[in-house]
Amino acid sequence: MSAAEIANRHFAAAMAEVKAAGESPDSLCRSLLGLIVSAYLETRSVADVQSELRFVADNCDPDTDFAFMRP
């Protein structure tokens, strides 16, 4: 099983659990993002983590092609 498959499985379970608890999915996502950033900072520089987050933010529009994609 790939890392992406494991992450998807756990994320789906967490979303189902937060929904069942009547909590906000946004709150769960913020909490997970904080945990991810903390884990990144254990092995990566602040600038590297910022670059990773900036890339994700800059490319999160599903209707826009990535800058490196060919037409």
PDB file of N, CA and C in Angstrom:
ATOM      1  N   MET A   1       0.857  -1.175   0.000  1.00  0.00           N
ATOM      2  CA  MET A   1       0.000   0.000   0.000  1.00  0.00           C
ATOM      3  C   MET A   1       0.903   1.239   0.000  1.00  0.00           C
ATOM      4  N   SER A   2       0.569   2.208  -0.828  1.00  0.00           N
ATOM      5  CA  SER A   2       1.376   3.426  -0.944  1.00  0.00           C
ATOM      6  C   SER A   2       1.076   4.391   0.203  1.00  0.00           C
ATOM      7  N   ALA A   3       1.985   5.344   0.385  1.00  0.00           N
ATOM      8  CA  ALA A   3       1.779   6.375   1.411  1.00  0.00           C
ATOM      9  C   ALA A   3       0.511   7.175   1.126  1.00  0.00           C
ATOM     10  N   ALA A   4       0.252   7.456  -0.150  1.00  0.00           N
ATOM     11  CA  ALA A   4      -0.959   8.210  -0.509  1.00  0.00           C
ATOM     12  C   ALA A   4      -2.217   7.423  -0.160  1.00  0.00           C
ATOM     13  N   GLU A   5      -2.207   6.134  -0.397  1.00  0.00           N
ATOM     14  CA  GLU A   5      -3.372   5.305  -0.061  1.00  0.00           C
ATOM     15  C   GLU A   5      -3.591   5.256   1.445  1.00  0.00           C
ATOM     16  N   ILE A   6      -2.512   5.149   2.197  1.00  0.00           N
ATOM     17  CA  ILE A   6      -2.622   5.136   3.664  1.00  0.00           C
ATOM     18  C   ILE A   6      -3.177   6.477   4.150  1.00  0.00           C
ATOM     19  N   ALA A   7      -2.641   7.578   3.620  1.00  0.00           N
ATOM     20  CA  ALA A   7      -3.116   8.910   4.019  1.00  0.00           C
ATOM     21  C   ALA A   7      -4.585   9.088   3.675  1.00  0.00           C
ATOM     22  N   ASN A   8      -4.991   8.670   2.482  1.00  0.00           N
ATOM     23  CA  ASN A   8      -6.400   8.793   2.074  1.00  0.00           C
ATOM     24  C   ASN A   8      -7.314   8.001   2.992  1.00  0.00           C
ATOM     25  N   ARG A   9      -6.898   6.796   3.353  1.00  0.00           N
ATOM     26  CA  ARG A   9      -7.714   5.950   4.231  1.00  0.00           C
ATOM     27  C   ARG A   9      -7.890   6.606   5.599  1.00  0.00           C
ATOM     28  N   HIS A  10      -6.817   7.116   6.165  1.00  0.00           N
ATOM     29  CA  HIS A  10      -6.896   7.734   7.489  1.00  0.00           C
ATOM     30  C   HIS A  10      -7.650   9.067   7.449  1.00  0.00           C
ATOM     31  N   PHE A  11      -7.457   9.817   6.378  1.00  0.00           N
ATOM     32  CA  PHE A  11      -8.179  11.087   6.248  1.00  0.00           C
ATOM     33  C   PHE A  11      -9.681  10.839   6.138  1.00  0.00           C
ATOM     34  N   ALA A  12     -10.081   9.868   5.338  1.00  0.00           N
ATOM     35  CA  ALA A  12     -11.506   9.543   5.195  1.00  0.00           C
ATOM     36  C   ALA A  12     -12.091   9.113   6.541  1.00  0.00           C
ATOM     37  N   ALA A  13     -11.342   8.324   7.294  1.00  0.00           N
ATOM     38  CA  ALA A  13     -11.820   7.881   8.608  1.00  0.00           C
ATOM     39  C   ALA A  13     -11.946   9.064   9.566  1.00  0.00           C
ATOM     40  N   ALA A  14     -10.986   9.980   9.537  1.00  0.00           N
ATOM     41  CA  ALA A  14     -11.041  11.154  10.406  1.00  0.00           C
ATOM     42  C   ALA A  14     -12.214  12.053  10.031  1.00  0.00           C
ATOM     43  N   MET A  15     -12.456  12.224   8.734  1.00  0.00           N
ATOM     44  CA  MET A  15     -13.593  13.042   8.306  1.00  0.00           C
ATOM     45  C   MET A  15     -14.911  12.408   8.737  1.00  0.00           C
ATOM     46  N   ALA A  16     -15.028  11.106   8.621  1.00  0.00           N
ATOM     47  CA  ALA A  16     -16.245  10.423   9.063  1.00  0.00           C
ATOM     48  C   ALA A  16     -16.427  10.568  10.571  1.00  0.00           C
ATOM     49  N   GLU A  17     -15.337  10.458  11.316  1.00  0.00           N
ATOM     50  CA  GLU A  17     -15.415  10.577  12.772  1.00  0.00           C
ATOM     51  C   GLU A  17     -15.790  11.992  13.201  1.00  0.00           C
ATOM     52  N   VAL A  18     -15.216  13.006  12.542  1.00  0.00           N
ATOM     53  CA  VAL A  18     -15.540  14.383  12.908  1.00  0.00           C
ATOM     54  C   VAL A  18     -16.994  14.699  12.563  1.00  0.00           C
ATOM     55  N   LYS A  19     -17.481  14.155  11.459  1.00  0.00           N
ATOM     56  CA  LYS A  19     -18.882  14.356  11.084  1.00  0.00           C
ATOM     57  C   LYS A  19     -19.806  13.692  12.106  1.00  0.00           C
ATOM     58  N   ALA A  20     -19.470  12.481  12.524  1.00  0.00           N
ATOM     59  CA  ALA A  20     -20.280  11.755  13.508  1.00  0.00           C
ATOM     60  C   ALA A  20     -20.288  12.471  14.857  1.00  0.00           C
ATOM     61  N   ALA A  21     -19.196  13.166  15.169  1.00  0.00           N
ATOM     62  CA  ALA A  21     -19.103  13.887  16.439  1.00  0.00           C
ATOM     63  C   ALA A  21     -19.750  15.263  16.363  1.00  0.00           C
ATOM     64  N   GLY A  22     -20.222  15.635  15.167  1.00  0.00           N
ATOM     65  CA  GLY A  22     -20.857  16.932  15.009  1.00  0.00           C
ATOM     66  C   GLY A  22     -19.873  18.091  15.035  1.00  0.00           C
ATOM     67  N   GLU A  23     -18.620  17.799  14.760  1.00  0.00           N
ATOM     68  CA  GLU A  23     -17.583  18.830  14.745  1.00  0.00           C
ATOM     69  C   GLU A  23     -17.367  19.345  13.327  1.00  0.00           C
ATOM     70  N   SER A  24     -16.625  20.412  13.217  1.00  0.00           N
ATOM     71  CA  SER A  24     -16.370  21.055  11.940  1.00  0.00           C
ATOM     72  C   SER A  24     -15.253  20.356  11.165  1.00  0.00           C
ATOM     73  N   PRO A  25     -15.509  19.984   9.909  1.00  0.00           N
ATOM     74  CA  PRO A  25     -14.437  19.429   9.076  1.00  0.00           C
ATOM     75  C   PRO A  25     -13.289  20.429   8.904  1.00  0.00           C
ATOM     76  N   ASP A  26     -13.591  21.733   8.857  1.00  0.00           N
ATOM     77  CA  ASP A  26     -12.533  22.742   8.747  1.00  0.00           C
ATOM     78  C   ASP A  26     -11.606  22.699   9.953  1.00  0.00           C
ATOM     79  N   SER A  27     -12.187  22.493  11.127  1.00  0.00           N
ATOM     80  CA  SER A  27     -11.381  22.411  12.342  1.00  0.00           C
ATOM     81  C   SER A  27     -10.448  21.210  12.285  1.00  0.00           C
ATOM     82  N   LEU A  28     -10.948  20.098  11.800  1.00  0.00           N
ATOM     83  CA  LEU A  28     -10.118  18.904  11.645  1.00  0.00           C
ATOM     84  C   LEU A  28      -8.980  19.173  10.671  1.00  0.00           C
ATOM     85  N   CYS A  29      -9.289  19.799   9.552  1.00  0.00           N
ATOM     86  CA  CYS A  29      -8.266  20.076   8.544  1.00  0.00           C
ATOM     87  C   CYS A  29      -7.196  21.011   9.087  1.00  0.00           C
ATOM     88  N   ARG A  30      -7.602  22.043   9.843  1.00  0.00           N
ATOM     89  CA  ARG A  30      -6.627  22.946  10.455  1.00  0.00           C
ATOM     90  C   ARG A  30      -5.742  22.184  11.438  1.00  0.00           C
ATOM     91  N   SER A  31      -6.344  21.305  12.216  1.00  0.00           N
ATOM     92  CA  SER A  31      -5.575  20.523  13.179  1.00  0.00           C
ATOM     93  C   SER A  31      -4.578  19.604  12.478  1.00  0.00           C
ATOM     94  N   LEU A  32      -5.033  18.940  11.418  1.00  0.00           N
ATOM     95  CA  LEU A  32      -4.145  18.057  10.670  1.00  0.00           C
ATOM     96  C   LEU A  32      -3.022  18.845  10.004  1.00  0.00           C
ATOM     97  N   LEU A  33      -3.345  20.003   9.457  1.00  0.00           N
ATOM     98  CA  LEU A  33      -2.323  20.827   8.822  1.00  0.00           C
ATOM     99  C   LEU A  33      -1.255  21.236   9.840  1.00  0.00           C
ATOM    100  N   GLY A  34      -1.688  21.596  11.033  1.00  0.00           N
ATOM    101  CA  GLY A  34      -0.741  21.937  12.092  1.00  0.00           C
ATOM    102  C   GLY A  34       0.161  20.771  12.441  1.00  0.00           C
ATOM    103  N   LEU A  35      -0.417  19.570  12.507  1.00  0.00           N
ATOM    104  CA  LEU A  35       0.383  18.378  12.794  1.00  0.00           C
ATOM    105  C   LEU A  35       1.368  18.087  11.671  1.00  0.00           C
ATOM    106  N   ILE A  36       0.936  18.283  10.442  1.00  0.00           N
ATOM    107  CA  ILE A  36       1.798  18.053   9.288  1.00  0.00           C
ATOM    108  C   ILE A  36       2.968  19.028   9.292  1.00  0.00           C
ATOM    109  N   VAL A  37       2.674  20.302   9.539  1.00  0.00           N
ATOM    110  CA  VAL A  37       3.743  21.302   9.581  1.00  0.00           C
ATOM    111  C   VAL A  37       4.734  20.959  10.695  1.00  0.00           C
ATOM    112  N   SER A  38       4.237  20.571  11.847  1.00  0.00           N
ATOM    113  CA  SER A  38       5.123  20.189  12.950  1.00  0.00           C
ATOM    114  C   SER A  38       6.005  19.002  12.573  1.00  0.00           C
ATOM    115  N   ALA A  39       5.430  18.020  11.892  1.00  0.00           N
ATOM    116  CA  ALA A  39       6.206  16.857  11.466  1.00  0.00           C
ATOM    117  C   ALA A  39       7.255  17.254  10.437  1.00  0.00           C
ATOM    118  N   TYR A  40       6.883  18.110   9.497  1.00  0.00           N
ATOM    119  CA  TYR A  40       7.846  18.607   8.507  1.00  0.00           C
ATOM    120  C   TYR A  40       9.022  19.308   9.199  1.00  0.00           C
ATOM    121  N   LEU A  41       8.724  20.143  10.192  1.00  0.00           N
ATOM    122  CA  LEU A  41       9.765  20.931  10.851  1.00  0.00           C
ATOM    123  C   LEU A  41      10.746  20.075  11.641  1.00  0.00           C
ATOM    124  N   GLU A  42      10.425  18.810  11.866  1.00  0.00           N
ATOM    125  CA  GLU A  42      11.357  17.910  12.542  1.00  0.00           C
ATOM    126  C   GLU A  42      12.550  17.574  11.651  1.00  0.00           C
ATOM    127  N   THR A  43      12.356  17.656  10.332  1.00  0.00           N
ATOM    128  CA  THR A  43      13.424  17.247   9.418  1.00  0.00           C
ATOM    129  C   THR A  43      13.724  18.265   8.319  1.00  0.00           C
ATOM    130  N   ARG A  44      12.936  19.326   8.240  1.00  0.00           N
ATOM    131  CA  ARG A  44      13.100  20.306   7.172  1.00  0.00           C
ATOM    132  C   ARG A  44      13.222  21.707   7.751  1.00  0.00           C
ATOM    133  N   SER A  45      13.831  22.598   6.998  1.00  0.00           N
ATOM    134  CA  SER A  45      13.969  23.982   7.449  1.00  0.00           C
ATOM    135  C   SER A  45      12.633  24.717   7.327  1.00  0.00           C
ATOM    136  N   VAL A  46      12.536  25.815   8.062  1.00  0.00           N
ATOM    137  CA  VAL A  46      11.323  26.635   7.998  1.00  0.00           C
ATOM    138  C   VAL A  46      11.100  27.109   6.565  1.00  0.00           C
ATOM    139  N   ALA A  47      12.151  27.569   5.903  1.00  0.00           N
ATOM    140  CA  ALA A  47      12.029  28.054   4.527  1.00  0.00           C
ATOM    141  C   ALA A  47      11.534  26.948   3.593  1.00  0.00           C
ATOM    142  N   ASP A  48      12.007  25.730   3.798  1.00  0.00           N
ATOM    143  CA  ASP A  48      11.577  24.604   2.961  1.00  0.00           C
ATOM    144  C   ASP A  48      10.103  24.290   3.181  1.00  0.00           C
ATOM    145  N   VAL A  49       9.666  24.314   4.432  1.00  0.00           N
ATOM    146  CA  VAL A  49       8.253  24.051   4.740  1.00  0.00           C
ATOM    147  C   VAL A  49       7.388  25.166   4.161  1.00  0.00           C
ATOM    148  N   GLN A  50       7.830  26.403   4.286  1.00  0.00           N
ATOM    149  CA  GLN A  50       7.090  27.521   3.714  1.00  0.00           C
ATOM    150  C   GLN A  50       6.976  27.373   2.199  1.00  0.00           C
ATOM    151  N   SER A  51       8.059  26.949   1.561  1.00  0.00           N
ATOM    152  CA  SER A  51       8.049  26.741   0.113  1.00  0.00           C
ATOM    153  C   SER A  51       7.059  25.651  -0.280  1.00  0.00           C
ATOM    154  N   GLU A  52       7.038  24.573   0.488  1.00  0.00           N
ATOM    155  CA  GLU A  52       6.100  23.464   0.232  1.00  0.00           C
ATOM    156  C   GLU A  52       4.657  23.944   0.349  1.00  0.00           C
ATOM    157  N   LEU A  53       4.359  24.692   1.400  1.00  0.00           N
ATOM    158  CA  LEU A  53       3.004  25.199   1.614  1.00  0.00           C
ATOM    159  C   LEU A  53       2.617  26.222   0.550  1.00  0.00           C
ATOM    160  N   ARG A  54       3.566  27.065   0.163  1.00  0.00           N
ATOM    161  CA  ARG A  54       3.310  28.059  -0.879  1.00  0.00           C
ATOM    162  C   ARG A  54       2.988  27.377  -2.208  1.00  0.00           C
ATOM    163  N   PHE A  55       3.725  26.305  -2.538  1.00  0.00           N
ATOM    164  CA  PHE A  55       3.461  25.565  -3.767  1.00  0.00           C
ATOM    165  C   PHE A  55       2.038  25.002  -3.757  1.00  0.00           C
ATOM    166  N   VAL A  56       1.647  24.401  -2.646  1.00  0.00           N
ATOM    167  CA  VAL A  56       0.299  23.834  -2.537  1.00  0.00           C
ATOM    168  C   VAL A  56      -0.745  24.937  -2.668  1.00  0.00           C
ATOM    169  N   ALA A  57      -0.532  26.049  -1.976  1.00  0.00           N
ATOM    170  CA  ALA A  57      -1.491  27.163  -2.028  1.00  0.00           C
ATOM    171  C   ALA A  57      -1.585  27.750  -3.426  1.00  0.00           C
ATOM    172  N   ASP A  58      -0.443  27.891  -4.088  1.00  0.00           N
ATOM    173  CA  ASP A  58      -0.430  28.478  -5.426  1.00  0.00           C
ATOM    174  C   ASP A  58      -1.055  27.567  -6.478  1.00  0.00           C
ATOM    175  N   ASN A  59      -1.155  26.289  -6.177  1.00  0.00           N
ATOM    176  CA  ASN A  59      -1.636  25.328  -7.163  1.00  0.00           C
ATOM    177  C   ASN A  59      -2.872  24.562  -6.707  1.00  0.00           C
ATOM    178  N   CYS A  60      -3.676  25.163  -5.843  1.00  0.00           N
ATOM    179  CA  CYS A  60      -4.836  24.448  -5.307  1.00  0.00           C
ATOM    180  C   CYS A  60      -6.110  24.627  -6.126  1.00  0.00           C
ATOM    181  N   ASP A  61      -6.103  25.490  -7.129  1.00  0.00           N
ATOM    182  CA  ASP A  61      -7.287  25.695  -7.968  1.00  0.00           C
ATOM    183  C   ASP A  61      -7.398  24.537  -8.961  1.00  0.00           C
ATOM    184  N   PRO A  62      -8.431  23.692  -8.817  1.00  0.00           N
ATOM    185  CA  PRO A  62      -8.541  22.530  -9.706  1.00  0.00           C
ATOM    186  C   PRO A  62      -8.831  22.895 -11.158  1.00  0.00           C
ATOM    187  N   ASP A  63      -9.237  24.141 -11.407  1.00  0.00           N
ATOM    188  CA  ASP A  63      -9.552  24.573 -12.772  1.00  0.00           C
ATOM    189  C   ASP A  63      -8.367  25.230 -13.476  1.00  0.00           C
ATOM    190  N   THR A  64      -7.225  25.283 -12.805  1.00  0.00           N
ATOM    191  CA  THR A  64      -6.043  25.904 -13.382  1.00  0.00           C
ATOM    192  C   THR A  64      -4.957  24.851 -13.552  1.00  0.00           C
ATOM    193  N   ASP A  65      -4.351  24.837 -14.727  1.00  0.00           N
ATOM    194  CA  ASP A  65      -3.247  23.917 -14.973  1.00  0.00           C
ATOM    195  C   ASP A  65      -2.027  24.356 -14.181  1.00  0.00           C
ATOM    196  N   PHE A  66      -1.194  23.381 -13.811  1.00  0.00           N
ATOM    197  CA  PHE A  66       0.078  23.707 -13.189  1.00  0.00           C
ATOM    198  C   PHE A  66       0.940  24.441 -14.210  1.00  0.00           C
ATOM    199  N   ALA A  67       1.772  25.343 -13.743  1.00  0.00           N
ATOM    200  CA  ALA A  67       2.610  26.136 -14.634  1.00  0.00           C
ATOM    201  C   ALA A  67       3.547  25.270 -15.458  1.00  0.00           C
ATOM    202  N   PHE A  68       3.921  24.100 -14.957  1.00  0.00           N
ATOM    203  CA  PHE A  68       4.860  23.248 -15.665  1.00  0.00           C
ATOM    204  C   PHE A  68       4.178  22.266 -16.611  1.00  0.00           C
ATOM    205  N   MET A  69       2.843  22.314 -16.712  1.00  0.00           N
ATOM    206  CA  MET A  69       2.113  21.398 -17.585  1.00  0.00           C
ATOM    207  C   MET A  69       2.127  21.913 -19.024  1.00  0.00           C
ATOM    208  N   ARG A  70       2.239  20.986 -19.936  1.00  0.00           N
ATOM    209  CA  ARG A  70       2.172  21.365 -21.340  1.00  0.00           C
ATOM    210  C   ARG A  70       0.722  21.406 -21.789  1.00  0.00           C
ATOM    211  N   PRO A  71       0.415  22.277 -22.776  1.00  0.00           N
ATOM    212  CA  PRO A  71      -0.972  22.363 -23.269  1.00  0.00           C
ATOM    213  C   PRO A  71      -1.411  21.099 -23.991  1.00  0.00           C
TER     214      PRO A  71
END
